[in-house]
Amino acid sequence: MNDYAHQHRLLDDCVRGVHRQESLSALRRYFGEERTRYTGRWFERFAGGGDRPDIANTVTEADVLALNFLSITSLADVAIDTTMTYAYQIRGLLEQIPANLPMHATAWSAYERDAPAHRLWNLFRRCGGSHRPVTASKLMARKRPRLIPVYDSRVRAVLRAPHSEWHCLWSWFHTDPTRIAAVEALRTEAGGIEDISLLRCLDVVLWMRAGVTR
């Protein structure tokens, strides 16, 4: 078992500790209605979301476009690979990954190397190039927002590069179930983002702590 003491302490501070008010303000700024602020506020919501029942097991053009809201560029090859080249394999893996099950209610076995989620992440890394882990992370989060977190270099830096970002967050939820209610309370108090997943709320809080605008 990896030691995520620093990461878990930071998450606790952000959600229910000394940084909670900053986190609340960050969520309100990020998801505010001003067009000049953050396009990422539409990432989960655009076109009804990537986990809509009718399209939950396929990558659509809207899913690919949503990546641009989080600053992913060079989307032409990503679109071709996800909707054409690997479409059959992607569907087969997505069908094995629950669309409505949150990380805090999921066994760790769902994230292990031979699990469909990990295999899909490896497949997504090849979409649009030979090695695109950030693109893969954001595609996964678009299709399974309750189960897989957005993860990029900014969040990685804030969390001090944990051995496994999935295990870091999964173990944070599972070692203290009261943390679920704490994130829910933060989301509720922020207002107007009840449809945003708990993982996305954590991502935004951590990303805004990095002091970078997206």
N, C-alpha and C. Protein backbone atom coordinates (compact mmCIF):
# COMPACT_ATOMS: atom_id res chain seq x y z
N MET A 1 0.86 -1.20 0.00
CA MET A 1 0.00 0.00 0.00
C MET A 1 0.89 1.24 0.00
N ASN A 2 0.63 2.17 -0.90
CA ASN A 2 1.43 3.38 -0.98
C ASN A 2 1.03 4.37 0.10
N ASP A 3 1.99 5.19 0.50
CA ASP A 3 1.75 6.20 1.52
C ASP A 3 1.37 7.51 0.84
N TYR A 4 0.13 7.91 1.01
CA TYR A 4 -0.35 9.17 0.42
C TYR A 4 -0.67 10.18 1.52
N ALA A 5 0.10 10.17 2.59
CA ALA A 5 -0.20 11.03 3.74
C ALA A 5 -0.26 12.50 3.34
N HIS A 6 0.72 12.95 2.56
CA HIS A 6 0.72 14.37 2.16
C HIS A 6 -0.50 14.69 1.31
N GLN A 7 -0.77 13.85 0.33
CA GLN A 7 -1.89 14.11 -0.57
C GLN A 7 -3.23 14.10 0.17
N HIS A 8 -3.40 13.13 1.05
CA HIS A 8 -4.66 13.04 1.79
C HIS A 8 -4.83 14.22 2.75
N ARG A 9 -3.74 14.66 3.34
CA ARG A 9 -3.82 15.82 4.23
C ARG A 9 -4.20 17.07 3.44
N LEU A 10 -3.63 17.22 2.25
CA LEU A 10 -3.97 18.37 1.41
C LEU A 10 -5.44 18.33 1.00
N LEU A 11 -5.92 17.17 0.59
CA LEU A 11 -7.32 17.04 0.21
C LEU A 11 -8.24 17.36 1.38
N ASP A 12 -7.89 16.86 2.56
CA ASP A 12 -8.69 17.17 3.75
C ASP A 12 -8.71 18.67 4.02
N ASP A 13 -7.55 19.30 3.92
CA ASP A 13 -7.48 20.74 4.16
C ASP A 13 -8.34 21.52 3.16
N CYS A 14 -8.35 21.05 1.91
CA CYS A 14 -9.11 21.73 0.87
C CYS A 14 -10.61 21.53 1.02
N VAL A 15 -11.01 20.38 1.51
CA VAL A 15 -12.43 20.03 1.55
C VAL A 15 -13.10 20.41 2.86
N ARG A 16 -12.36 20.26 3.97
CA ARG A 16 -13.01 20.54 5.27
C ARG A 16 -12.05 21.13 6.29
N GLY A 17 -10.92 21.64 5.81
CA GLY A 17 -9.93 22.18 6.72
C GLY A 17 -9.61 23.64 6.45
N VAL A 18 -8.35 23.99 6.61
CA VAL A 18 -7.93 25.39 6.57
C VAL A 18 -8.11 26.03 5.19
N HIS A 19 -8.17 25.23 4.14
CA HIS A 19 -8.31 25.79 2.79
C HIS A 19 -9.74 25.71 2.26
N ARG A 20 -10.69 25.33 3.11
CA ARG A 20 -12.05 25.11 2.61
C ARG A 20 -12.65 26.36 1.98
N GLN A 21 -12.50 27.50 2.60
CA GLN A 21 -13.09 28.73 2.06
C GLN A 21 -12.48 29.07 0.71
N GLU A 22 -11.17 28.85 0.56
CA GLU A 22 -10.52 29.07 -0.73
C GLU A 22 -11.09 28.13 -1.78
N SER A 23 -11.34 26.88 -1.39
CA SER A 23 -11.91 25.91 -2.32
C SER A 23 -13.31 26.32 -2.75
N LEU A 24 -14.09 26.80 -1.81
CA LEU A 24 -15.44 27.25 -2.11
C LEU A 24 -15.41 28.41 -3.10
N SER A 25 -14.54 29.36 -2.87
CA SER A 25 -14.40 30.50 -3.78
C SER A 25 -13.92 30.05 -5.15
N ALA A 26 -13.01 29.08 -5.18
CA ALA A 26 -12.49 28.58 -6.45
C ALA A 26 -13.59 27.93 -7.28
N LEU A 27 -14.43 27.12 -6.65
CA LEU A 27 -15.53 26.47 -7.37
C LEU A 27 -16.50 27.51 -7.91
N ARG A 28 -16.79 28.52 -7.13
CA ARG A 28 -17.72 29.56 -7.59
C ARG A 28 -17.13 30.36 -8.74
N ARG A 29 -15.85 30.66 -8.69
CA ARG A 29 -15.22 31.38 -9.80
C ARG A 29 -15.19 30.52 -11.06
N TYR A 30 -14.78 29.29 -10.89
CA TYR A 30 -14.59 28.41 -12.05
C TYR A 30 -15.90 28.15 -12.78
N PHE A 31 -16.95 27.89 -12.04
CA PHE A 31 -18.23 27.54 -12.66
C PHE A 31 -19.17 28.74 -12.81
N GLY A 32 -18.64 29.95 -12.60
CA GLY A 32 -19.44 31.15 -12.78
C GLY A 32 -19.84 31.34 -14.24
N GLU A 33 -20.76 32.24 -14.47
CA GLU A 33 -21.35 32.41 -15.80
C GLU A 33 -20.59 33.37 -16.70
N GLU A 34 -19.56 34.03 -16.20
CA GLU A 34 -18.84 34.98 -17.05
C GLU A 34 -18.12 34.24 -18.17
N ARG A 35 -18.39 34.64 -19.42
CA ARG A 35 -17.84 33.95 -20.58
C ARG A 35 -16.32 34.05 -20.64
N THR A 36 -15.76 35.08 -20.02
CA THR A 36 -14.32 35.29 -20.10
C THR A 36 -13.54 34.45 -19.10
N ARG A 37 -14.23 33.68 -18.30
CA ARG A 37 -13.53 32.93 -17.26
C ARG A 37 -13.03 31.56 -17.75
N TYR A 38 -13.69 30.50 -17.40
CA TYR A 38 -13.13 29.16 -17.62
C TYR A 38 -14.04 28.32 -18.51
N THR A 39 -13.57 28.00 -19.71
CA THR A 39 -14.36 27.14 -20.60
C THR A 39 -14.53 25.75 -20.02
N GLY A 40 -13.62 25.35 -19.14
CA GLY A 40 -13.70 24.02 -18.54
C GLY A 40 -14.96 23.76 -17.75
N ARG A 41 -15.68 24.83 -17.41
CA ARG A 41 -16.92 24.63 -16.65
C ARG A 41 -17.95 23.85 -17.46
N TRP A 42 -17.76 23.80 -18.80
CA TRP A 42 -18.69 23.07 -19.66
C TRP A 42 -18.23 21.65 -19.96
N PHE A 43 -17.08 21.24 -19.45
CA PHE A 43 -16.51 19.95 -19.83
C PHE A 43 -17.46 18.79 -19.59
N GLU A 44 -18.05 18.70 -18.41
CA GLU A 44 -18.97 17.59 -18.11
C GLU A 44 -20.36 17.82 -18.69
N ARG A 45 -20.75 19.07 -18.88
CA ARG A 45 -22.12 19.39 -19.24
C ARG A 45 -22.38 19.45 -20.75
N PHE A 46 -21.36 19.72 -21.54
CA PHE A 46 -21.55 19.97 -22.97
C PHE A 46 -22.30 18.83 -23.65
N ALA A 47 -23.32 19.19 -24.42
CA ALA A 47 -24.14 18.23 -25.17
C ALA A 47 -24.76 17.16 -24.27
N GLY A 48 -25.03 17.53 -23.04
CA GLY A 48 -25.68 16.59 -22.12
C GLY A 48 -24.74 15.66 -21.40
N GLY A 49 -23.44 15.79 -21.63
CA GLY A 49 -22.46 14.94 -20.95
C GLY A 49 -22.07 13.70 -21.72
N GLY A 50 -20.89 13.18 -21.41
CA GLY A 50 -20.40 11.99 -22.11
C GLY A 50 -20.94 10.69 -21.58
N ASP A 51 -21.61 10.74 -20.41
CA ASP A 51 -22.16 9.53 -19.82
C ASP A 51 -23.67 9.44 -19.99
N ARG A 52 -24.23 10.24 -20.89
CA ARG A 52 -25.65 10.12 -21.22
C ARG A 52 -25.96 8.68 -21.62
N PRO A 53 -27.07 8.11 -21.17
CA PRO A 53 -27.34 6.69 -21.43
C PRO A 53 -27.27 6.29 -22.90
N ASP A 54 -27.70 7.17 -23.80
CA ASP A 54 -27.73 6.79 -25.22
C ASP A 54 -26.36 6.79 -25.89
N ILE A 55 -25.38 7.45 -25.28
CA ILE A 55 -24.04 7.50 -25.90
C ILE A 55 -22.94 7.13 -24.91
N ALA A 56 -23.30 6.55 -23.78
CA ALA A 56 -22.32 6.28 -22.71
C ALA A 56 -21.20 5.34 -23.14
N ASN A 57 -21.47 4.49 -24.11
CA ASN A 57 -20.48 3.48 -24.49
C ASN A 57 -19.81 3.75 -25.83
N THR A 58 -19.94 4.98 -26.33
CA THR A 58 -19.24 5.38 -27.54
C THR A 58 -18.63 6.76 -27.34
N VAL A 59 -17.57 7.05 -28.04
CA VAL A 59 -17.00 8.40 -28.04
C VAL A 59 -17.62 9.15 -29.21
N THR A 60 -18.23 10.27 -28.92
CA THR A 60 -18.90 11.07 -29.94
C THR A 60 -18.05 12.29 -30.32
N GLU A 61 -18.48 12.97 -31.38
CA GLU A 61 -17.81 14.20 -31.77
C GLU A 61 -17.86 15.23 -30.65
N ALA A 62 -18.99 15.26 -29.91
CA ALA A 62 -19.11 16.20 -28.79
C ALA A 62 -18.11 15.88 -27.68
N ASP A 63 -17.86 14.60 -27.44
CA ASP A 63 -16.86 14.22 -26.44
C ASP A 63 -15.48 14.74 -26.83
N VAL A 64 -15.15 14.60 -28.10
CA VAL A 64 -13.84 15.07 -28.58
C VAL A 64 -13.75 16.58 -28.46
N LEU A 65 -14.80 17.28 -28.88
CA LEU A 65 -14.79 18.74 -28.78
C LEU A 65 -14.67 19.20 -27.33
N ALA A 66 -15.29 18.47 -26.42
CA ALA A 66 -15.23 18.84 -25.00
C ALA A 66 -13.79 18.85 -24.48
N LEU A 67 -12.91 18.07 -25.09
CA LEU A 67 -11.51 18.07 -24.68
C LEU A 67 -10.89 19.45 -24.86
N ASN A 68 -11.34 20.17 -25.88
CA ASN A 68 -10.80 21.51 -26.14
C ASN A 68 -11.14 22.47 -25.01
N PHE A 69 -12.24 22.20 -24.29
CA PHE A 69 -12.60 23.06 -23.16
C PHE A 69 -11.57 22.96 -22.05
N LEU A 70 -10.78 21.88 -22.07
CA LEU A 70 -9.69 21.70 -21.09
C LEU A 70 -8.33 21.80 -21.77
N SER A 71 -8.29 22.57 -22.85
CA SER A 71 -7.03 22.94 -23.51
C SER A 71 -6.33 21.82 -24.25
N ILE A 72 -7.05 20.77 -24.61
CA ILE A 72 -6.48 19.73 -25.47
C ILE A 72 -6.65 20.17 -26.92
N THR A 73 -5.54 20.19 -27.66
CA THR A 73 -5.57 20.64 -29.05
C THR A 73 -5.23 19.48 -29.98
N SER A 74 -5.08 19.78 -31.27
CA SER A 74 -4.79 18.75 -32.28
C SER A 74 -5.82 17.63 -32.19
N LEU A 75 -7.08 18.00 -32.33
CA LEU A 75 -8.17 17.06 -32.10
C LEU A 75 -8.55 16.23 -33.32
N ALA A 76 -8.07 16.59 -34.50
CA ALA A 76 -8.49 15.86 -35.70
C ALA A 76 -8.14 14.38 -35.60
N ASP A 77 -6.90 14.08 -35.26
CA ASP A 77 -6.49 12.67 -35.17
C ASP A 77 -7.15 11.97 -33.99
N VAL A 78 -7.40 12.71 -32.91
CA VAL A 78 -8.11 12.13 -31.77
C VAL A 78 -9.51 11.72 -32.20
N ALA A 79 -10.17 12.58 -32.97
CA ALA A 79 -11.52 12.29 -33.45
C ALA A 79 -11.54 11.05 -34.34
N ILE A 80 -10.60 10.97 -35.25
CA ILE A 80 -10.54 9.82 -36.16
C ILE A 80 -10.30 8.53 -35.40
N ASP A 81 -9.35 8.56 -34.47
CA ASP A 81 -9.02 7.34 -33.73
C ASP A 81 -10.15 6.89 -32.80
N THR A 82 -10.81 7.85 -32.14
CA THR A 82 -11.83 7.46 -31.16
C THR A 82 -13.17 7.11 -31.80
N THR A 83 -13.50 7.74 -32.91
CA THR A 83 -14.81 7.49 -33.53
C THR A 83 -14.73 6.53 -34.70
N MET A 84 -13.51 6.22 -35.16
CA MET A 84 -13.38 5.32 -36.31
C MET A 84 -12.38 4.19 -36.04
N THR A 85 -11.10 4.55 -35.94
CA THR A 85 -10.04 3.54 -35.88
C THR A 85 -10.24 2.53 -34.74
N TYR A 86 -10.48 3.03 -33.54
CA TYR A 86 -10.61 2.16 -32.37
C TYR A 86 -12.03 2.11 -31.81
N ALA A 87 -13.00 2.54 -32.60
CA ALA A 87 -14.38 2.66 -32.09
C ALA A 87 -14.91 1.34 -31.54
N TYR A 88 -14.64 0.24 -32.23
CA TYR A 88 -15.16 -1.06 -31.80
C TYR A 88 -14.55 -1.48 -30.46
N GLN A 89 -13.21 -1.33 -30.35
CA GLN A 89 -12.54 -1.69 -29.10
C GLN A 89 -12.99 -0.80 -27.95
N ILE A 90 -13.15 0.49 -28.23
CA ILE A 90 -13.59 1.44 -27.20
C ILE A 90 -14.97 1.07 -26.67
N ARG A 91 -15.88 0.77 -27.57
CA ARG A 91 -17.22 0.39 -27.15
C ARG A 91 -17.17 -0.87 -26.27
N GLY A 92 -16.40 -1.85 -26.68
CA GLY A 92 -16.31 -3.09 -25.92
C GLY A 92 -15.82 -2.88 -24.50
N LEU A 93 -14.87 -1.97 -24.33
CA LEU A 93 -14.35 -1.69 -22.99
C LEU A 93 -15.31 -0.82 -22.18
N LEU A 94 -15.89 0.20 -22.81
CA LEU A 94 -16.84 1.05 -22.09
C LEU A 94 -18.05 0.26 -21.59
N GLU A 95 -18.46 -0.73 -22.36
CA GLU A 95 -19.60 -1.56 -21.94
C GLU A 95 -19.31 -2.33 -20.66
N GLN A 96 -18.03 -2.50 -20.33
CA GLN A 96 -17.65 -3.22 -19.12
C GLN A 96 -17.39 -2.30 -17.92
N ILE A 97 -17.52 -0.98 -18.14
CA ILE A 97 -17.24 -0.01 -17.09
C ILE A 97 -18.54 0.71 -16.72
N PRO A 98 -19.05 0.54 -15.51
CA PRO A 98 -20.32 1.17 -15.13
C PRO A 98 -20.28 2.69 -15.32
N ALA A 99 -21.37 3.23 -15.84
CA ALA A 99 -21.43 4.67 -16.10
C ALA A 99 -21.86 5.48 -14.89
N ASN A 100 -22.58 4.87 -13.97
CA ASN A 100 -23.16 5.63 -12.86
C ASN A 100 -22.56 5.30 -11.50
N LEU A 101 -21.54 4.46 -11.47
CA LEU A 101 -20.94 4.06 -10.20
C LEU A 101 -19.82 5.03 -9.83
N PRO A 102 -19.89 5.68 -8.67
CA PRO A 102 -18.85 6.62 -8.27
C PRO A 102 -17.63 5.92 -7.69
N MET A 103 -16.52 6.61 -7.71
CA MET A 103 -15.28 6.05 -7.18
C MET A 103 -15.44 5.58 -5.74
N HIS A 104 -16.17 6.34 -4.92
CA HIS A 104 -16.26 5.99 -3.50
C HIS A 104 -17.11 4.75 -3.25
N ALA A 105 -17.82 4.26 -4.27
CA ALA A 105 -18.61 3.03 -4.12
C ALA A 105 -18.05 1.88 -4.95
N THR A 106 -16.81 2.04 -5.41
CA THR A 106 -16.20 1.07 -6.32
C THR A 106 -15.04 0.36 -5.66
N ALA A 107 -14.95 -0.95 -5.86
CA ALA A 107 -13.81 -1.72 -5.35
C ALA A 107 -12.55 -1.37 -6.14
N TRP A 108 -11.39 -1.49 -5.48
CA TRP A 108 -10.14 -1.15 -6.15
C TRP A 108 -9.89 -2.03 -7.37
N SER A 109 -10.44 -3.21 -7.38
CA SER A 109 -10.23 -4.12 -8.51
C SER A 109 -10.67 -3.50 -9.83
N ALA A 110 -11.58 -2.53 -9.80
CA ALA A 110 -12.04 -1.88 -11.03
C ALA A 110 -10.97 -1.02 -11.67
N TYR A 111 -9.89 -0.73 -10.93
CA TYR A 111 -8.83 0.15 -11.44
C TYR A 111 -7.52 -0.58 -11.72
N GLU A 112 -7.47 -1.87 -11.41
CA GLU A 112 -6.21 -2.59 -11.55
C GLU A 112 -5.81 -2.74 -13.01
N ARG A 113 -4.56 -3.14 -13.24
CA ARG A 113 -3.99 -3.10 -14.58
C ARG A 113 -4.71 -3.96 -15.60
N ASP A 114 -5.34 -5.03 -15.16
CA ASP A 114 -6.04 -5.89 -16.11
C ASP A 114 -7.52 -5.55 -16.21
N ALA A 115 -7.96 -4.52 -15.50
CA ALA A 115 -9.36 -4.12 -15.51
C ALA A 115 -9.69 -3.33 -16.78
N PRO A 116 -10.95 -3.34 -17.22
CA PRO A 116 -11.34 -2.60 -18.42
C PRO A 116 -10.97 -1.12 -18.38
N ALA A 117 -11.07 -0.48 -17.21
CA ALA A 117 -10.76 0.95 -17.12
C ALA A 117 -9.30 1.21 -17.46
N HIS A 118 -8.40 0.39 -16.93
CA HIS A 118 -6.98 0.58 -17.21
C HIS A 118 -6.67 0.25 -18.66
N ARG A 119 -7.30 -0.75 -19.20
CA ARG A 119 -7.09 -1.10 -20.60
C ARG A 119 -7.60 0.00 -21.52
N LEU A 120 -8.73 0.61 -21.16
CA LEU A 120 -9.25 1.70 -21.97
C LEU A 120 -8.33 2.91 -21.89
N TRP A 121 -7.80 3.20 -20.72
CA TRP A 121 -6.86 4.31 -20.58
C TRP A 121 -5.65 4.11 -21.50
N ASN A 122 -5.13 2.90 -21.55
CA ASN A 122 -4.00 2.62 -22.44
C ASN A 122 -4.38 2.79 -23.90
N LEU A 123 -5.61 2.40 -24.25
CA LEU A 123 -6.07 2.57 -25.63
C LEU A 123 -6.23 4.06 -25.95
N PHE A 124 -6.82 4.81 -25.05
CA PHE A 124 -7.00 6.25 -25.27
C PHE A 124 -5.65 6.97 -25.40
N ARG A 125 -4.62 6.47 -24.74
CA ARG A 125 -3.29 7.11 -24.86
C ARG A 125 -2.79 7.08 -26.29
N ARG A 126 -3.25 6.12 -27.07
CA ARG A 126 -2.81 6.00 -28.46
C ARG A 126 -3.67 6.80 -29.42
N CYS A 127 -4.73 7.38 -28.93
CA CYS A 127 -5.64 8.13 -29.80
C CYS A 127 -5.09 9.53 -30.06
N GLY A 128 -4.79 9.79 -31.31
CA GLY A 128 -4.23 11.09 -31.68
C GLY A 128 -2.72 11.15 -31.59
N GLY A 129 -2.08 10.03 -31.28
CA GLY A 129 -0.63 9.99 -31.16
C GLY A 129 -0.20 8.74 -30.43
N SER A 130 1.10 8.58 -30.25
CA SER A 130 1.59 7.35 -29.65
C SER A 130 1.56 7.39 -28.12
N HIS A 131 1.54 8.59 -27.53
CA HIS A 131 1.59 8.67 -26.06
C HIS A 131 0.95 9.98 -25.62
N ARG A 132 -0.36 9.93 -25.30
CA ARG A 132 -1.07 11.14 -24.88
C ARG A 132 -1.82 10.86 -23.57
N PRO A 133 -1.07 10.76 -22.46
CA PRO A 133 -1.71 10.40 -21.19
C PRO A 133 -2.72 11.43 -20.70
N VAL A 134 -2.47 12.72 -20.93
CA VAL A 134 -3.41 13.74 -20.47
C VAL A 134 -4.69 13.69 -21.28
N THR A 135 -4.55 13.50 -22.60
CA THR A 135 -5.74 13.31 -23.44
C THR A 135 -6.53 12.11 -22.96
N ALA A 136 -5.82 11.02 -22.66
CA ALA A 136 -6.49 9.80 -22.18
C ALA A 136 -7.23 10.07 -20.88
N SER A 137 -6.59 10.77 -19.96
CA SER A 137 -7.22 11.09 -18.68
C SER A 137 -8.51 11.86 -18.87
N LYS A 138 -8.48 12.85 -19.74
CA LYS A 138 -9.65 13.71 -19.92
C LYS A 138 -10.76 12.99 -20.69
N LEU A 139 -10.39 12.13 -21.62
CA LEU A 139 -11.41 11.32 -22.30
C LEU A 139 -12.08 10.37 -21.31
N MET A 140 -11.28 9.75 -20.46
CA MET A 140 -11.85 8.86 -19.45
C MET A 140 -12.81 9.62 -18.54
N ALA A 141 -12.40 10.81 -18.11
CA ALA A 141 -13.23 11.61 -17.21
C ALA A 141 -14.50 12.10 -17.90
N ARG A 142 -14.44 12.32 -19.19
CA ARG A 142 -15.64 12.73 -19.94
C ARG A 142 -16.64 11.57 -20.03
N LYS A 143 -16.14 10.36 -20.25
CA LYS A 143 -17.03 9.21 -20.41
C LYS A 143 -17.48 8.61 -19.07
N ARG A 144 -16.65 8.70 -18.05
CA ARG A 144 -16.98 8.14 -16.74
C ARG A 144 -16.61 9.15 -15.64
N PRO A 145 -17.33 10.28 -15.59
CA PRO A 145 -16.94 11.37 -14.68
C PRO A 145 -17.01 11.03 -13.20
N ARG A 146 -17.84 10.07 -12.82
CA ARG A 146 -17.95 9.71 -11.40
C ARG A 146 -16.86 8.72 -10.98
N LEU A 147 -16.26 8.09 -11.96
CA LEU A 147 -15.34 6.98 -11.69
C LEU A 147 -13.87 7.34 -11.91
N ILE A 148 -13.60 8.21 -12.88
CA ILE A 148 -12.23 8.52 -13.28
C ILE A 148 -11.99 10.03 -13.18
N PRO A 149 -10.92 10.45 -12.51
CA PRO A 149 -10.66 11.89 -12.37
C PRO A 149 -9.92 12.47 -13.57
N VAL A 150 -10.16 13.76 -13.82
CA VAL A 150 -9.29 14.51 -14.73
C VAL A 150 -7.93 14.62 -14.05
N TYR A 151 -6.88 14.47 -14.84
CA TYR A 151 -5.54 14.53 -14.24
C TYR A 151 -4.59 15.12 -15.27
N ASP A 152 -3.93 16.21 -14.91
CA ASP A 152 -2.96 16.82 -15.82
C ASP A 152 -1.75 17.26 -15.02
N SER A 153 -0.83 17.96 -15.68
CA SER A 153 0.43 18.32 -15.04
C SER A 153 0.23 19.26 -13.86
N ARG A 154 -0.80 20.10 -13.90
CA ARG A 154 -1.04 21.04 -12.81
C ARG A 154 -1.49 20.31 -11.54
N VAL A 155 -2.44 19.41 -11.72
CA VAL A 155 -2.91 18.64 -10.57
C VAL A 155 -1.80 17.72 -10.06
N ARG A 156 -1.06 17.15 -10.99
CA ARG A 156 0.06 16.28 -10.61
C ARG A 156 1.06 17.05 -9.74
N ALA A 157 1.34 18.30 -10.11
CA ALA A 157 2.29 19.09 -9.34
C ALA A 157 1.75 19.41 -7.94
N VAL A 158 0.48 19.78 -7.86
CA VAL A 158 -0.12 20.11 -6.56
C VAL A 158 -0.11 18.89 -5.64
N LEU A 159 -0.37 17.71 -6.23
CA LEU A 159 -0.39 16.48 -5.44
C LEU A 159 1.00 15.86 -5.26
N ARG A 160 2.03 16.55 -5.78
CA ARG A 160 3.41 16.06 -5.69
C ARG A 160 3.55 14.67 -6.31
N ALA A 161 2.97 14.51 -7.47
CA ALA A 161 3.15 13.32 -8.30
C ALA A 161 3.01 12.01 -7.53
N PRO A 162 1.81 11.69 -7.07
CA PRO A 162 1.63 10.40 -6.38
C PRO A 162 1.91 9.24 -7.32
N HIS A 163 2.29 8.11 -6.73
CA HIS A 163 2.60 6.93 -7.54
C HIS A 163 1.46 6.56 -8.47
N SER A 164 0.23 6.65 -7.97
CA SER A 164 -0.97 6.38 -8.77
C SER A 164 -2.03 7.39 -8.38
N GLU A 165 -2.39 8.26 -9.31
CA GLU A 165 -3.42 9.26 -8.99
C GLU A 165 -4.76 8.60 -8.70
N TRP A 166 -5.07 7.51 -9.40
CA TRP A 166 -6.33 6.81 -9.15
C TRP A 166 -6.34 6.24 -7.73
N HIS A 167 -5.26 5.58 -7.35
CA HIS A 167 -5.22 4.97 -6.03
C HIS A 167 -5.16 6.03 -4.93
N CYS A 168 -4.49 7.13 -5.21
CA CYS A 168 -4.43 8.23 -4.25
C CYS A 168 -5.83 8.72 -3.89
N LEU A 169 -6.65 8.99 -4.90
CA LEU A 169 -8.00 9.48 -4.65
C LEU A 169 -8.92 8.38 -4.12
N TRP A 170 -8.80 7.19 -4.70
CA TRP A 170 -9.63 6.07 -4.24
C TRP A 170 -9.40 5.80 -2.76
N SER A 171 -8.14 5.76 -2.35
CA SER A 171 -7.83 5.45 -0.95
C SER A 171 -8.25 6.61 -0.03
N TRP A 172 -8.22 7.83 -0.54
CA TRP A 172 -8.69 8.96 0.27
C TRP A 172 -10.17 8.79 0.62
N PHE A 173 -10.98 8.44 -0.36
CA PHE A 173 -12.40 8.20 -0.10
C PHE A 173 -12.62 6.99 0.81
N HIS A 174 -11.91 5.92 0.54
CA HIS A 174 -12.22 4.65 1.20
C HIS A 174 -11.63 4.51 2.60
N THR A 175 -10.63 5.30 2.95
CA THR A 175 -10.09 5.22 4.31
C THR A 175 -10.89 6.05 5.30
N ASP A 176 -11.75 6.93 4.79
CA ASP A 176 -12.60 7.74 5.66
C ASP A 176 -13.87 8.12 4.90
N PRO A 177 -14.93 7.33 5.04
CA PRO A 177 -16.16 7.57 4.28
C PRO A 177 -16.81 8.93 4.55
N THR A 178 -16.47 9.60 5.66
CA THR A 178 -17.07 10.92 5.92
C THR A 178 -16.59 11.97 4.92
N ARG A 179 -15.53 11.65 4.20
CA ARG A 179 -15.03 12.59 3.20
C ARG A 179 -16.01 12.76 2.04
N ILE A 180 -16.79 11.74 1.77
CA ILE A 180 -17.79 11.83 0.70
C ILE A 180 -18.76 12.97 1.00
N ALA A 181 -19.32 12.96 2.20
CA ALA A 181 -20.27 14.00 2.59
C ALA A 181 -19.60 15.37 2.62
N ALA A 182 -18.32 15.41 2.95
CA ALA A 182 -17.61 16.69 3.00
C ALA A 182 -17.50 17.32 1.61
N VAL A 183 -17.21 16.49 0.60
CA VAL A 183 -17.14 17.01 -0.77
C VAL A 183 -18.54 17.40 -1.25
N GLU A 184 -19.52 16.58 -0.93
CA GLU A 184 -20.90 16.90 -1.30
C GLU A 184 -21.34 18.23 -0.69
N ALA A 185 -20.97 18.46 0.56
CA ALA A 185 -21.34 19.71 1.23
C ALA A 185 -20.66 20.91 0.57
N LEU A 186 -19.41 20.73 0.18
CA LEU A 186 -18.68 21.80 -0.50
C LEU A 186 -19.36 22.13 -1.83
N ARG A 187 -19.72 21.10 -2.57
CA ARG A 187 -20.40 21.28 -3.86
C ARG A 187 -21.75 21.98 -3.67
N THR A 188 -22.50 21.56 -2.68
CA THR A 188 -23.82 22.16 -2.43
C THR A 188 -23.69 23.63 -2.05
N GLU A 189 -22.73 23.92 -1.19
CA GLU A 189 -22.55 25.30 -0.75
C GLU A 189 -22.07 26.20 -1.88
N ALA A 190 -21.30 25.65 -2.80
CA ALA A 190 -20.85 26.44 -3.95
C ALA A 190 -22.04 26.92 -4.77
N GLY A 191 -23.05 26.06 -4.89
CA GLY A 191 -24.31 26.44 -5.55
C GLY A 191 -24.28 26.30 -7.06
N GLY A 192 -25.34 25.69 -7.60
CA GLY A 192 -25.50 25.59 -9.03
C GLY A 192 -24.65 24.54 -9.72
N ILE A 193 -23.98 23.68 -8.97
CA ILE A 193 -23.13 22.66 -9.60
C ILE A 193 -23.45 21.26 -9.07
N GLU A 194 -24.69 21.07 -8.68
CA GLU A 194 -25.09 19.76 -8.14
C GLU A 194 -24.94 18.65 -9.17
N ASP A 195 -24.93 19.01 -10.47
CA ASP A 195 -24.78 18.02 -11.53
C ASP A 195 -23.32 17.67 -11.81
N ILE A 196 -22.40 18.37 -11.21
CA ILE A 196 -20.98 18.12 -11.42
C ILE A 196 -20.51 17.01 -10.48
N SER A 197 -19.71 16.09 -11.00
CA SER A 197 -19.27 14.95 -10.20
C SER A 197 -18.35 15.39 -9.06
N LEU A 198 -18.30 14.57 -8.02
CA LEU A 198 -17.41 14.87 -6.89
C LEU A 198 -15.95 14.90 -7.33
N LEU A 199 -15.58 14.00 -8.23
CA LEU A 199 -14.20 13.97 -8.71
C LEU A 199 -13.84 15.24 -9.46
N ARG A 200 -14.77 15.73 -10.26
CA ARG A 200 -14.52 16.96 -11.00
C ARG A 200 -14.40 18.15 -10.05
N CYS A 201 -15.20 18.17 -9.01
CA CYS A 201 -15.07 19.23 -8.01
C CYS A 201 -13.69 19.21 -7.37
N LEU A 202 -13.20 18.03 -7.03
CA LEU A 202 -11.86 17.92 -6.46
C LEU A 202 -10.80 18.37 -7.46
N ASP A 203 -10.97 17.98 -8.72
CA ASP A 203 -10.02 18.38 -9.76
C ASP A 203 -9.95 19.90 -9.86
N VAL A 204 -11.10 20.55 -9.90
CA VAL A 204 -11.13 22.01 -10.03
C VAL A 204 -10.48 22.67 -8.82
N VAL A 205 -10.79 22.18 -7.63
CA VAL A 205 -10.20 22.74 -6.42
C VAL A 205 -8.67 22.63 -6.47
N LEU A 206 -8.17 21.47 -6.83
CA LEU A 206 -6.72 21.27 -6.89
C LEU A 206 -6.10 22.08 -8.00
N TRP A 207 -6.76 22.10 -9.15
CA TRP A 207 -6.23 22.83 -10.30
C TRP A 207 -6.15 24.32 -10.02
N MET A 208 -7.18 24.86 -9.38
CA MET A 208 -7.18 26.29 -9.05
C MET A 208 -6.11 26.62 -8.02
N ARG A 209 -5.79 25.67 -7.16
CA ARG A 209 -4.71 25.90 -6.19
C ARG A 209 -3.38 26.05 -6.89
N ALA A 210 -3.26 25.46 -8.06
CA ALA A 210 -2.01 25.57 -8.81
C ALA A 210 -1.82 26.97 -9.38
N GLY A 211 -2.88 27.77 -9.36
CA GLY A 211 -2.75 29.16 -9.80
C GLY A 211 -2.65 29.33 -11.29
N VAL A 212 -3.20 28.38 -12.06
CA VAL A 212 -3.14 28.45 -13.51
C VAL A 212 -4.54 28.63 -14.05
N THR A 213 -4.70 29.48 -15.05
CA THR A 213 -6.01 29.74 -15.64
C THR A 213 -6.24 28.85 -16.84
N ARG A 214 -7.39 28.18 -16.86
CA ARG A 214 -7.76 27.41 -18.04
C ARG A 214 -9.22 27.63 -18.34
